[in-house]
Amino acid sequence: MATLTTAPAPRVSETRDAGGAHLRRKKRLFWPFAAPALALYLAFLVLPTLATVVLSFTAWAGAGDTPQPNGVTNYTRMWASDSFQYAFRNTLVYVFLGGVGTFALAFLFTMVLRDMRGGKVVRAILFFPNIVAPVALGMFLGFVFKYQPGKQGLANFVLEHAGADAAKFLAPANVTGVVTASLIWASSGFYITILMAAVDRIPPYLYEDAELGGASPWQKFRNITLPMTWDVVGVAGVLWTINALKIFELVFVLAGPGTYAPPNQAWTLGIYVFDRTFGSNGTPDFGAACACAVAMIALVSVLVVLLRRVMRRDALQF
């Protein structure tokens, strides 16, 4: 009569040795994969950033010239400059006022589209301005808001036929408001898409229970939608802060004459760097441009850290 035999169970030491060998193989593969990425990161981000910081303490007109150390002169001149004050103020307006408007509109559409038939199609339509180049978008909005007797833009055409006076939307004193409204309109679709993806993860039974309990739309948003998407909102806020601080093309096209930088009252930090790089008087000042670039890096770092601290909250499990 045949007898069944069973293989002996592996010893604990053998299992531990096999696991250790596997871990050693994974460690050996780490650097061959990580080294190219780290080299590119060092060459195209870390080293240029350090060079920018060093050049911000020099006076340098570019090729053919040698950087001359000048201490903190670039920074003191920058802070005392009216152009920088305008640029700094306008950039903060885009970050905070534009951010509030964008996220308010994004949350509003998110709540409407959640239960709307054909919501995905509407979401794709709202996302469309994000795939248009900022220069092309600026040219289109320039046509809409143009102020020229006999050749009014679409907005003034509507105002005049409604019995109102034409407005100088793109005047230096008004262009910041126009750009802020344009940013809210153009950017909201991107953040609607992000927030909708987060809302889609929320279990439907939570909304059903709230509906049975007689909760209003505001109560459902405040007690379900916002807490459940808080981590995604924080990431979206960081993305908005970084993108708003870098705004350049839209303002350059809308507020500028088409050949050079717009008036100082409409500047952003990006336009300030551009002006100092290529020289408002034909002579570049790379030291001043680097000083503003360092100020932008410091500003975005501070804002992102503050935002992450404000948005810090324990993750909800569902």
C-alpha atoms as a PDB file:
ATOM      1  CA  MET A   1       0.000   0.000   0.000  1.00  0.00           C
ATOM      2  CA  ALA A   2       1.489   3.344  -1.098  1.00  0.00           C
ATOM      3  CA  THR A   3       2.167   5.913   1.536  1.00  0.00           C
ATOM      4  CA  LEU A   4       1.924   9.642   1.063  1.00  0.00           C
ATOM      5  CA  THR A   5       4.942  11.695   1.921  1.00  0.00           C
ATOM      6  CA  THR A   6       5.022  15.412   2.449  1.00  0.00           C
ATOM      7  CA  ALA A   7       7.938  17.683   1.765  1.00  0.00           C
ATOM      8  CA  PRO A   8       9.535  19.103   4.852  1.00  0.00           C
ATOM      9  CA  ALA A   9       8.551  22.689   5.643  1.00  0.00           C
ATOM     10  CA  PRO A  10      11.270  25.241   4.926  1.00  0.00           C
ATOM     11  CA  ARG A  11      13.202  26.296   7.930  1.00  0.00           C
ATOM     12  CA  VAL A  12      12.768  29.794   9.314  1.00  0.00           C
ATOM     13  CA  SER A  13      16.407  30.574   8.644  1.00  0.00           C
ATOM     14  CA  GLU A  14      16.049  29.551   4.981  1.00  0.00           C
ATOM     15  CA  THR A  15      13.006  31.811   4.559  1.00  0.00           C
ATOM     16  CA  ARG A  16      14.864  34.675   6.179  1.00  0.00           C
ATOM     17  CA  ASP A  17      17.884  34.153   3.915  1.00  0.00           C
ATOM     18  CA  ALA A  18      15.667  34.130   0.798  1.00  0.00           C
ATOM     19  CA  GLY A  19      13.960  37.348   1.865  1.00  0.00           C
ATOM     20  CA  GLY A  20      17.303  38.976   2.608  1.00  0.00           C
ATOM     21  CA  ALA A  21      18.675  38.031  -0.803  1.00  0.00           C
ATOM     22  CA  HIS A  22      15.609  39.489  -2.511  1.00  0.00           C
ATOM     23  CA  LEU A  23      16.007  42.732  -0.562  1.00  0.00           C
ATOM     24  CA  ARG A  24      19.696  42.936  -1.497  1.00  0.00           C
ATOM     25  CA  ARG A  25      18.829  42.488  -5.186  1.00  0.00           C
ATOM     26  CA  LYS A  26      16.295  45.323  -4.930  1.00  0.00           C
ATOM     27  CA  LYS A  27      18.901  47.572  -3.302  1.00  0.00           C
ATOM     28  CA  ARG A  28      21.396  46.822  -6.053  1.00  0.00           C
ATOM     29  CA  LEU A  29      18.814  47.871  -8.656  1.00  0.00           C
ATOM     30  CA  PHE A  30      18.007  51.164  -6.908  1.00  0.00           C
ATOM     31  CA  TRP A  31      20.952  53.279  -8.046  1.00  0.00           C
ATOM     32  CA  PRO A  32      21.000  52.196 -11.719  1.00  0.00           C
ATOM     33  CA  PHE A  33      17.391  53.376 -11.993  1.00  0.00           C
ATOM     34  CA  ALA A  34      17.599  56.418  -9.700  1.00  0.00           C
ATOM     35  CA  ALA A  35      20.968  57.821 -10.824  1.00  0.00           C
ATOM     36  CA  PRO A  36      19.824  59.159 -14.270  1.00  0.00           C
ATOM     37  CA  ALA A  37      16.821  60.916 -12.731  1.00  0.00           C
ATOM     38  CA  LEU A  38      18.922  62.382  -9.926  1.00  0.00           C
ATOM     39  CA  ALA A  39      21.557  63.545 -12.430  1.00  0.00           C
ATOM     40  CA  LEU A  40      18.938  65.331 -14.532  1.00  0.00           C
ATOM     41  CA  TYR A  41      17.391  66.864 -11.395  1.00  0.00           C
ATOM     42  CA  LEU A  42      20.796  68.111 -10.289  1.00  0.00           C
ATOM     43  CA  ALA A  43      21.788  69.454 -13.714  1.00  0.00           C
ATOM     44  CA  PHE A  44      18.525  71.178 -14.669  1.00  0.00           C
ATOM     45  CA  LEU A  45      17.093  72.284 -11.318  1.00  0.00           C
ATOM     46  CA  VAL A  46      19.518  72.329  -8.403  1.00  0.00           C
ATOM     47  CA  LEU A  47      22.555  73.809 -10.167  1.00  0.00           C
ATOM     48  CA  PRO A  48      20.594  76.515 -12.074  1.00  0.00           C
ATOM     49  CA  THR A  49      18.833  77.481  -8.838  1.00  0.00           C
ATOM     50  CA  LEU A  50      22.156  77.833  -7.009  1.00  0.00           C
ATOM     51  CA  ALA A  51      23.580  79.814  -9.937  1.00  0.00           C
ATOM     52  CA  THR A  52      20.555  82.129  -9.815  1.00  0.00           C
ATOM     53  CA  VAL A  53      21.091  82.767  -6.107  1.00  0.00           C
ATOM     54  CA  VAL A  54      24.800  83.519  -6.660  1.00  0.00           C
ATOM     55  CA  LEU A  55      24.154  85.836  -9.631  1.00  0.00           C
ATOM     56  CA  SER A  56      21.544  87.758  -7.651  1.00  0.00           C
ATOM     57  CA  PHE A  57      24.409  89.234  -5.633  1.00  0.00           C
ATOM     58  CA  THR A  58      26.266  90.469  -8.717  1.00  0.00           C
ATOM     59  CA  ALA A  59      26.025  93.104 -11.438  1.00  0.00           C
ATOM     60  CA  TRP A  60      26.122  91.328 -14.786  1.00  0.00           C
ATOM     61  CA  ALA A  61      25.045  92.396 -18.258  1.00  0.00           C
ATOM     62  CA  GLY A  62      25.381  88.951 -19.820  1.00  0.00           C
ATOM     63  CA  ALA A  63      27.759  87.498 -22.413  1.00  0.00           C
ATOM     64  CA  GLY A  64      31.083  89.238 -22.828  1.00  0.00           C
ATOM     65  CA  ASP A  65      30.994  90.678 -19.340  1.00  0.00           C
ATOM     66  CA  THR A  66      32.212  89.392 -16.004  1.00  0.00           C
ATOM     67  CA  PRO A  67      29.828  89.331 -13.028  1.00  0.00           C
ATOM     68  CA  GLN A  68      30.876  91.892 -10.441  1.00  0.00           C
ATOM     69  CA  PRO A  69      29.844  91.273  -6.818  1.00  0.00           C
ATOM     70  CA  ASN A  70      27.643  94.059  -5.459  1.00  0.00           C
ATOM     71  CA  GLY A  71      26.249  92.568  -2.246  1.00  0.00           C
ATOM     72  CA  VAL A  72      22.542  93.096  -1.654  1.00  0.00           C
ATOM     73  CA  THR A  73      22.286  96.109  -3.963  1.00  0.00           C
ATOM     74  CA  ASN A  74      20.018  94.280  -6.380  1.00  0.00           C
ATOM     75  CA  TYR A  75      17.616  93.407  -3.585  1.00  0.00           C
ATOM     76  CA  THR A  76      17.499  96.901  -2.092  1.00  0.00           C
ATOM     77  CA  ARG A  77      16.914  98.485  -5.501  1.00  0.00           C
ATOM     78  CA  MET A  78      14.259  95.908  -6.294  1.00  0.00           C
ATOM     79  CA  TRP A  79      12.264  96.516  -3.096  1.00  0.00           C
ATOM     80  CA  ALA A  80      12.476 100.288  -3.629  1.00  0.00           C
ATOM     81  CA  SER A  81      11.332 100.044  -7.251  1.00  0.00           C
ATOM     82  CA  ASP A  82       7.770 101.061  -8.116  1.00  0.00           C
ATOM     83  CA  SER A  83       7.783  98.453 -10.883  1.00  0.00           C
ATOM     84  CA  PHE A  84       8.474  95.686  -8.390  1.00  0.00           C
ATOM     85  CA  GLN A  85       5.808  96.999  -6.009  1.00  0.00           C
ATOM     86  CA  TYR A  86       3.221  96.878  -8.796  1.00  0.00           C
ATOM     87  CA  ALA A  87       4.406  93.422  -9.873  1.00  0.00           C
ATOM     88  CA  PHE A  88       4.345  92.053  -6.319  1.00  0.00           C
ATOM     89  CA  ARG A  89       0.879  93.448  -5.609  1.00  0.00           C
ATOM     90  CA  ASN A  90      -0.622  92.213  -8.873  1.00  0.00           C
ATOM     91  CA  THR A  91       0.857  88.751  -8.405  1.00  0.00           C
ATOM     92  CA  LEU A  92      -0.687  88.470  -4.929  1.00  0.00           C
ATOM     93  CA  VAL A  93      -4.040  89.591  -6.375  1.00  0.00           C
ATOM     94  CA  TYR A  94      -3.859  86.753  -8.901  1.00  0.00           C
ATOM     95  CA  VAL A  95      -2.874  84.231  -6.234  1.00  0.00           C
ATOM     96  CA  PHE A  96      -5.479  85.092  -3.588  1.00  0.00           C
ATOM     97  CA  LEU A  97      -8.402  86.775  -5.359  1.00  0.00           C
ATOM     98  CA  GLY A  98      -8.062  84.597  -8.432  1.00  0.00           C
ATOM     99  CA  GLY A  99      -7.714  81.494  -6.257  1.00  0.00           C
ATOM    100  CA  VAL A 100     -10.861  82.256  -4.246  1.00  0.00           C
ATOM    101  CA  GLY A 101     -12.851  82.876  -7.416  1.00  0.00           C
ATOM    102  CA  THR A 102     -11.500  79.805  -9.191  1.00  0.00           C
ATOM    103  CA  PHE A 103     -12.189  77.381  -6.351  1.00  0.00           C
ATOM    104  CA  ALA A 104     -15.613  78.892  -5.608  1.00  0.00           C
ATOM    105  CA  LEU A 105     -16.579  78.387  -9.252  1.00  0.00           C
ATOM    106  CA  ALA A 106     -15.002  74.933  -9.327  1.00  0.00           C
ATOM    107  CA  PHE A 107     -16.910  73.769  -6.237  1.00  0.00           C
ATOM    108  CA  LEU A 108     -20.153  75.249  -7.581  1.00  0.00           C
ATOM    109  CA  PHE A 109     -19.853  73.375 -10.869  1.00  0.00           C
ATOM    110  CA  THR A 110     -18.726  70.239  -9.056  1.00  0.00           C
ATOM    111  CA  MET A 111     -21.924  70.142  -7.000  1.00  0.00           C
ATOM    112  CA  VAL A 112     -24.072  70.886 -10.045  1.00  0.00           C
ATOM    113  CA  LEU A 113     -22.378  68.363 -12.334  1.00  0.00           C
ATOM    114  CA  ARG A 114     -22.368  65.567  -9.748  1.00  0.00           C
ATOM    115  CA  ASP A 115     -26.022  64.722 -10.322  1.00  0.00           C
ATOM    116  CA  MET A 116     -26.364  66.202 -13.780  1.00  0.00           C
ATOM    117  CA  ARG A 117     -27.037  64.002 -16.790  1.00  0.00           C
ATOM    118  CA  GLY A 118     -24.260  64.529 -19.335  1.00  0.00           C
ATOM    119  CA  GLY A 119     -21.968  65.939 -16.683  1.00  0.00           C
ATOM    120  CA  LYS A 120     -18.872  64.369 -18.251  1.00  0.00           C
ATOM    121  CA  VAL A 121     -19.518  66.170 -21.536  1.00  0.00           C
ATOM    122  CA  VAL A 122     -19.929  69.494 -19.743  1.00  0.00           C
ATOM    123  CA  ARG A 123     -16.743  68.773 -17.773  1.00  0.00           C
ATOM    124  CA  ALA A 124     -14.827  68.256 -21.036  1.00  0.00           C
ATOM    125  CA  ILE A 125     -16.176  71.525 -22.448  1.00  0.00           C
ATOM    126  CA  LEU A 126     -15.181  73.437 -19.311  1.00  0.00           C
ATOM    127  CA  PHE A 127     -11.684  71.915 -19.477  1.00  0.00           C
ATOM    128  CA  PHE A 128     -11.159  73.136 -23.058  1.00  0.00           C
ATOM    129  CA  PRO A 129      -9.580  76.576 -22.235  1.00  0.00           C
ATOM    130  CA  ASN A 130      -6.719  74.752 -20.489  1.00  0.00           C
ATOM    131  CA  ILE A 131      -5.539  73.171 -23.719  1.00  0.00           C
ATOM    132  CA  VAL A 132      -5.360  76.534 -25.505  1.00  0.00           C
ATOM    133  CA  ALA A 133      -1.982  78.266 -25.470  1.00  0.00           C
ATOM    134  CA  PRO A 134      -1.967  81.315 -23.139  1.00  0.00           C
ATOM    135  CA  VAL A 135      -0.789  83.539 -26.002  1.00  0.00           C
ATOM    136  CA  ALA A 136      -3.725  82.488 -28.191  1.00  0.00           C
ATOM    137  CA  LEU A 137      -6.074  82.910 -25.240  1.00  0.00           C
ATOM    138  CA  GLY A 138      -4.699  86.396 -24.614  1.00  0.00           C
ATOM    139  CA  MET A 139      -5.203  87.359 -28.271  1.00  0.00           C
ATOM    140  CA  PHE A 140      -8.802  86.139 -28.151  1.00  0.00           C
ATOM    141  CA  LEU A 141      -9.530  88.043 -24.924  1.00  0.00           C
ATOM    142  CA  GLY A 142      -7.823  91.124 -26.374  1.00  0.00           C
ATOM    143  CA  PHE A 143     -10.331  90.999 -29.214  1.00  0.00           C
ATOM    144  CA  VAL A 144     -13.188  90.637 -26.730  1.00  0.00           C
ATOM    145  CA  PHE A 145     -12.125  93.546 -24.463  1.00  0.00           C
ATOM    146  CA  LYS A 146     -10.625  95.865 -27.082  1.00  0.00           C
ATOM    147  CA  TYR A 147     -11.399  99.576 -26.723  1.00  0.00           C
ATOM    148  CA  GLN A 148     -11.028 101.571 -29.924  1.00  0.00           C
ATOM    149  CA  PRO A 149     -13.513 104.094 -31.327  1.00  0.00           C
ATOM    150  CA  GLY A 150     -15.188 102.580 -34.337  1.00  0.00           C
ATOM    151  CA  LYS A 151     -13.586  99.171 -33.726  1.00  0.00           C
ATOM    152  CA  GLN A 152     -14.865  98.087 -30.344  1.00  0.00           C
ATOM    153  CA  GLY A 153     -14.364  94.625 -28.956  1.00  0.00           C
ATOM    154  CA  LEU A 154     -17.209  92.237 -28.294  1.00  0.00           C
ATOM    155  CA  ALA A 155     -17.651  93.330 -24.656  1.00  0.00           C
ATOM    156  CA  ASN A 156     -17.956  97.027 -25.528  1.00  0.00           C
ATOM    157  CA  PHE A 157     -20.177  96.185 -28.491  1.00  0.00           C
ATOM    158  CA  VAL A 158     -22.622  94.541 -26.078  1.00  0.00           C
ATOM    159  CA  LEU A 159     -22.354  97.446 -23.610  1.00  0.00           C
ATOM    160  CA  GLU A 160     -23.040 100.071 -26.275  1.00  0.00           C
ATOM    161  CA  HIS A 161     -26.060  98.207 -27.636  1.00  0.00           C
ATOM    162  CA  ALA A 162     -27.352  97.898 -24.080  1.00  0.00           C
ATOM    163  CA  GLY A 163     -27.206 101.690 -23.709  1.00  0.00           C
ATOM    164  CA  ALA A 164     -24.051 101.834 -21.554  1.00  0.00           C
ATOM    165  CA  ASP A 165     -20.778 103.612 -22.255  1.00  0.00           C
ATOM    166  CA  ALA A 166     -17.815 101.692 -23.604  1.00  0.00           C
ATOM    167  CA  ALA A 167     -15.230 100.788 -20.962  1.00  0.00           C
ATOM    168  CA  LYS A 168     -11.440 100.770 -21.219  1.00  0.00           C
ATOM    169  CA  PHE A 169     -11.040  97.225 -19.970  1.00  0.00           C
ATOM    170  CA  LEU A 170      -7.386  96.971 -20.971  1.00  0.00           C
ATOM    171  CA  ALA A 171      -6.249 100.285 -19.486  1.00  0.00           C
ATOM    172  CA  PRO A 172      -3.319  99.829 -17.049  1.00  0.00           C
ATOM    173  CA  ALA A 173      -5.574 100.569 -14.068  1.00  0.00           C
ATOM    174  CA  ASN A 174      -8.173  97.977 -15.125  1.00  0.00           C
ATOM    175  CA  VAL A 175      -6.198  95.196 -16.738  1.00  0.00           C
ATOM    176  CA  THR A 176      -5.450  93.386 -13.455  1.00  0.00           C
ATOM    177  CA  GLY A 177      -9.173  92.875 -12.838  1.00  0.00           C
ATOM    178  CA  VAL A 178      -9.698  91.690 -16.423  1.00  0.00           C
ATOM    179  CA  VAL A 179      -6.804  89.240 -16.179  1.00  0.00           C
ATOM    180  CA  THR A 180      -8.094  87.954 -12.815  1.00  0.00           C
ATOM    181  CA  ALA A 181     -11.545  87.311 -14.283  1.00  0.00           C
ATOM    182  CA  SER A 182      -9.952  85.691 -17.342  1.00  0.00           C
ATOM    183  CA  LEU A 183      -7.822  83.437 -15.137  1.00  0.00           C
ATOM    184  CA  ILE A 184     -10.880  82.333 -13.171  1.00  0.00           C
ATOM    185  CA  TRP A 185     -12.749  81.547 -16.377  1.00  0.00           C
ATOM    186  CA  ALA A 186      -9.825  79.766 -18.051  1.00  0.00           C
ATOM    187  CA  SER A 187      -8.536  77.832 -15.019  1.00  0.00           C
ATOM    188  CA  SER A 188     -11.731  76.677 -13.341  1.00  0.00           C
ATOM    189  CA  GLY A 189     -12.203  73.779 -15.777  1.00  0.00           C
ATOM    190  CA  PHE A 190      -8.902  72.215 -14.736  1.00  0.00           C
ATOM    191  CA  TYR A 191      -9.796  72.334 -11.046  1.00  0.00           C
ATOM    192  CA  ILE A 192     -13.355  71.180 -11.735  1.00  0.00           C
ATOM    193  CA  THR A 193     -11.850  68.062 -13.298  1.00  0.00           C
ATOM    194  CA  ILE A 194      -9.615  67.471 -10.260  1.00  0.00           C
ATOM    195  CA  LEU A 195     -12.421  68.016  -7.747  1.00  0.00           C
ATOM    196  CA  MET A 196     -14.869  65.900  -9.731  1.00  0.00           C
ATOM    197  CA  ALA A 197     -12.391  63.015  -9.688  1.00  0.00           C
ATOM    198  CA  ALA A 198     -12.227  63.366  -5.883  1.00  0.00           C
ATOM    199  CA  VAL A 199     -16.021  63.591  -5.539  1.00  0.00           C
ATOM    200  CA  ASP A 200     -16.439  60.444  -7.637  1.00  0.00           C
ATOM    201  CA  ARG A 201     -14.587  58.513  -4.901  1.00  0.00           C
ATOM    202  CA  ILE A 202     -17.161  59.429  -2.246  1.00  0.00           C
ATOM    203  CA  PRO A 203     -19.595  56.538  -1.582  1.00  0.00           C
ATOM    204  CA  PRO A 204     -23.065  57.463  -2.915  1.00  0.00           C
ATOM    205  CA  TYR A 205     -24.765  56.116   0.207  1.00  0.00           C
ATOM    206  CA  LEU A 206     -23.434  59.069   2.203  1.00  0.00           C
ATOM    207  CA  TYR A 207     -25.390  61.471   0.030  1.00  0.00           C
ATOM    208  CA  GLU A 208     -28.405  59.148   0.109  1.00  0.00           C
ATOM    209  CA  ASP A 209     -28.366  59.080   3.910  1.00  0.00           C
ATOM    210  CA  ALA A 210     -28.046  62.858   4.008  1.00  0.00           C
ATOM    211  CA  GLU A 211     -30.948  63.173   1.568  1.00  0.00           C
ATOM    212  CA  LEU A 212     -33.113  60.968   3.760  1.00  0.00           C
ATOM    213  CA  GLY A 213     -32.149  63.075   6.768  1.00  0.00           C
ATOM    214  CA  GLY A 214     -33.376  66.223   5.017  1.00  0.00           C
ATOM    215  CA  ALA A 215     -29.939  67.815   4.541  1.00  0.00           C
ATOM    216  CA  SER A 216     -29.762  70.863   2.290  1.00  0.00           C
ATOM    217  CA  PRO A 217     -27.255  71.081  -0.601  1.00  0.00           C
ATOM    218  CA  TRP A 218     -25.070  73.372   1.517  1.00  0.00           C
ATOM    219  CA  GLN A 219     -25.123  70.927   4.437  1.00  0.00           C
ATOM    220  CA  LYS A 220     -24.173  68.044   2.143  1.00  0.00           C
ATOM    221  CA  PHE A 221     -21.316  70.097   0.737  1.00  0.00           C
ATOM    222  CA  ARG A 222     -20.055  71.245   4.151  1.00  0.00           C
ATOM    223  CA  ASN A 223     -20.376  67.900   5.941  1.00  0.00           C
ATOM    224  CA  ILE A 224     -19.670  65.386   3.170  1.00  0.00           C
ATOM    225  CA  THR A 225     -18.073  66.816   0.037  1.00  0.00           C
ATOM    226  CA  LEU A 226     -15.571  69.210   1.582  1.00  0.00           C
ATOM    227  CA  PRO A 227     -14.237  66.891   4.335  1.00  0.00           C
ATOM    228  CA  MET A 228     -13.994  63.948   1.942  1.00  0.00           C
ATOM    229  CA  THR A 229     -12.053  65.954  -0.679  1.00  0.00           C
ATOM    230  CA  TRP A 230      -9.946  68.029   1.709  1.00  0.00           C
ATOM    231  CA  ASP A 231      -6.635  66.374   0.780  1.00  0.00           C
ATOM    232  CA  VAL A 232      -7.307  66.881  -2.935  1.00  0.00           C
ATOM    233  CA  VAL A 233      -8.269  70.507  -2.328  1.00  0.00           C
ATOM    234  CA  GLY A 234      -4.925  71.021  -0.590  1.00  0.00           C
ATOM    235  CA  VAL A 235      -2.985  69.637  -3.558  1.00  0.00           C
ATOM    236  CA  ALA A 236      -5.064  71.716  -5.984  1.00  0.00           C
ATOM    237  CA  GLY A 237      -4.346  74.806  -3.878  1.00  0.00           C
ATOM    238  CA  VAL A 238      -0.606  74.181  -4.150  1.00  0.00           C
ATOM    239  CA  LEU A 239      -0.885  73.792  -7.935  1.00  0.00           C
ATOM    240  CA  TRP A 240      -2.854  77.025  -8.199  1.00  0.00           C
ATOM    241  CA  THR A 241      -0.342  78.951  -6.068  1.00  0.00           C
ATOM    242  CA  ILE A 242       2.611  77.831  -8.181  1.00  0.00           C
ATOM    243  CA  ASN A 243       0.848  78.508 -11.496  1.00  0.00           C
ATOM    244  CA  ALA A 244      -0.501  81.915 -10.435  1.00  0.00           C
ATOM    245  CA  LEU A 245       2.944  83.104  -9.329  1.00  0.00           C
ATOM    246  CA  LYS A 246       4.353  82.248 -12.762  1.00  0.00           C
ATOM    247  CA  ILE A 247       1.709  84.046 -14.832  1.00  0.00           C
ATOM    248  CA  PHE A 248       3.316  85.864 -17.742  1.00  0.00           C
ATOM    249  CA  GLU A 249       1.936  85.315 -21.243  1.00  0.00           C
ATOM    250  CA  LEU A 250      -1.681  86.278 -20.598  1.00  0.00           C
ATOM    251  CA  VAL A 251      -0.753  89.617 -19.003  1.00  0.00           C
ATOM    252  CA  PHE A 252       1.961  90.292 -21.582  1.00  0.00           C
ATOM    253  CA  VAL A 253      -0.450  89.866 -24.494  1.00  0.00           C
ATOM    254  CA  LEU A 254      -3.500  91.531 -22.925  1.00  0.00           C
ATOM    255  CA  ALA A 255      -1.822  94.568 -21.375  1.00  0.00           C
ATOM    256  CA  GLY A 256       1.160  95.047 -23.660  1.00  0.00           C
ATOM    257  CA  PRO A 257       1.409  96.969 -26.924  1.00  0.00           C
ATOM    258  CA  GLY A 258       2.380  93.781 -28.733  1.00  0.00           C
ATOM    259  CA  THR A 259       6.030  94.721 -29.144  1.00  0.00           C
ATOM    260  CA  TYR A 260       7.321  95.052 -25.598  1.00  0.00           C
ATOM    261  CA  ALA A 261       6.383  94.844 -21.919  1.00  0.00           C
ATOM    262  CA  PRO A 262       3.077  96.383 -20.769  1.00  0.00           C
ATOM    263  CA  PRO A 263       2.880  99.491 -18.532  1.00  0.00           C
ATOM    264  CA  ASN A 264       4.345  99.086 -15.045  1.00  0.00           C
ATOM    265  CA  GLN A 265       0.926  99.132 -13.356  1.00  0.00           C
ATOM    266  CA  ALA A 266       0.067  95.826 -15.050  1.00  0.00           C
ATOM    267  CA  TRP A 267       3.314  93.987 -14.360  1.00  0.00           C
ATOM    268  CA  THR A 268       3.670  90.650 -12.614  1.00  0.00           C
ATOM    269  CA  LEU A 269       6.835  89.188 -11.105  1.00  0.00           C
ATOM    270  CA  GLY A 270       7.360  87.170 -14.264  1.00  0.00           C
ATOM    271  CA  ILE A 271       7.213  90.306 -16.414  1.00  0.00           C
ATOM    272  CA  TYR A 272       9.618  92.052 -14.039  1.00  0.00           C
ATOM    273  CA  VAL A 273      12.134  89.214 -14.548  1.00  0.00           C
ATOM    274  CA  PHE A 274      11.592  89.413 -18.322  1.00  0.00           C
ATOM    275  CA  ASP A 275      12.143  93.179 -18.387  1.00  0.00           C
ATOM    276  CA  ARG A 276      15.343  93.022 -16.339  1.00  0.00           C
ATOM    277  CA  THR A 277      16.644  90.076 -18.364  1.00  0.00           C
ATOM    278  CA  PHE A 278      16.294  91.731 -21.765  1.00  0.00           C
ATOM    279  CA  GLY A 279      16.802  95.298 -20.575  1.00  0.00           C
ATOM    280  CA  SER A 280      14.295  98.131 -20.636  1.00  0.00           C
ATOM    281  CA  ASN A 281      17.027 100.457 -21.945  1.00  0.00           C
ATOM    282  CA  GLY A 282      18.734  97.923 -24.175  1.00  0.00           C
ATOM    283  CA  THR A 283      21.164  96.794 -21.453  1.00  0.00           C
ATOM    284  CA  PRO A 284      20.295  93.545 -19.646  1.00  0.00           C
ATOM    285  CA  ASP A 285      20.616  93.359 -15.885  1.00  0.00           C
ATOM    286  CA  PHE A 286      20.834  89.679 -15.060  1.00  0.00           C
ATOM    287  CA  GLY A 287      21.671  90.366 -11.423  1.00  0.00           C
ATOM    288  CA  ALA A 288      18.372  92.200 -10.865  1.00  0.00           C
ATOM    289  CA  ALA A 289      16.470  89.528 -12.804  1.00  0.00           C
ATOM    290  CA  CYS A 290      17.999  86.788 -10.649  1.00  0.00           C
ATOM    291  CA  ALA A 291      17.153  88.742  -7.489  1.00  0.00           C
ATOM    292  CA  CYS A 292      13.483  88.815  -8.496  1.00  0.00           C
ATOM    293  CA  ALA A 293      13.622  85.123  -9.411  1.00  0.00           C
ATOM    294  CA  VAL A 294      14.980  84.339  -5.934  1.00  0.00           C
ATOM    295  CA  ALA A 295      12.182  86.432  -4.421  1.00  0.00           C
ATOM    296  CA  MET A 296       9.665  84.368  -6.433  1.00  0.00           C
ATOM    297  CA  ILE A 297      11.193  81.125  -5.168  1.00  0.00           C
ATOM    298  CA  ALA A 298      11.062  82.376  -1.580  1.00  0.00           C
ATOM    299  CA  LEU A 299       7.466  83.608  -1.979  1.00  0.00           C
ATOM    300  CA  VAL A 300       6.183  80.362  -3.476  1.00  0.00           C
ATOM    301  CA  SER A 301       7.997  78.350  -0.802  1.00  0.00           C
ATOM    302  CA  VAL A 302       6.441  80.398   2.008  1.00  0.00           C
ATOM    303  CA  LEU A 303       2.948  80.285   0.509  1.00  0.00           C
ATOM    304  CA  VAL A 304       3.082  76.541  -0.151  1.00  0.00           C
ATOM    305  CA  VAL A 305       4.321  75.770   3.381  1.00  0.00           C
ATOM    306  CA  LEU A 306       1.613  77.984   4.918  1.00  0.00           C
ATOM    307  CA  LEU A 307      -1.034  76.443   2.708  1.00  0.00           C
ATOM    308  CA  ARG A 308      -0.005  72.911   3.628  1.00  0.00           C
ATOM    309  CA  ARG A 309      -0.097  73.806   7.333  1.00  0.00           C
ATOM    310  CA  VAL A 310      -3.519  75.419   7.043  1.00  0.00           C
ATOM    311  CA  MET A 311      -4.878  72.487   5.030  1.00  0.00           C
ATOM    312  CA  ARG A 312      -3.358  69.839   7.365  1.00  0.00           C
ATOM    313  CA  ARG A 313      -6.023  67.453   8.632  1.00  0.00           C
ATOM    314  CA  ASP A 314      -6.242  63.771   9.419  1.00  0.00           C
ATOM    315  CA  ALA A 315      -7.269  61.726   6.425  1.00  0.00           C
ATOM    316  CA  LEU A 316     -10.791  60.345   6.477  1.00  0.00           C
ATOM    317  CA  GLN A 317     -11.234  56.650   5.778  1.00  0.00           C
ATOM    318  CA  PHE A 318     -14.253  55.570   3.764  1.00  0.00           C
END
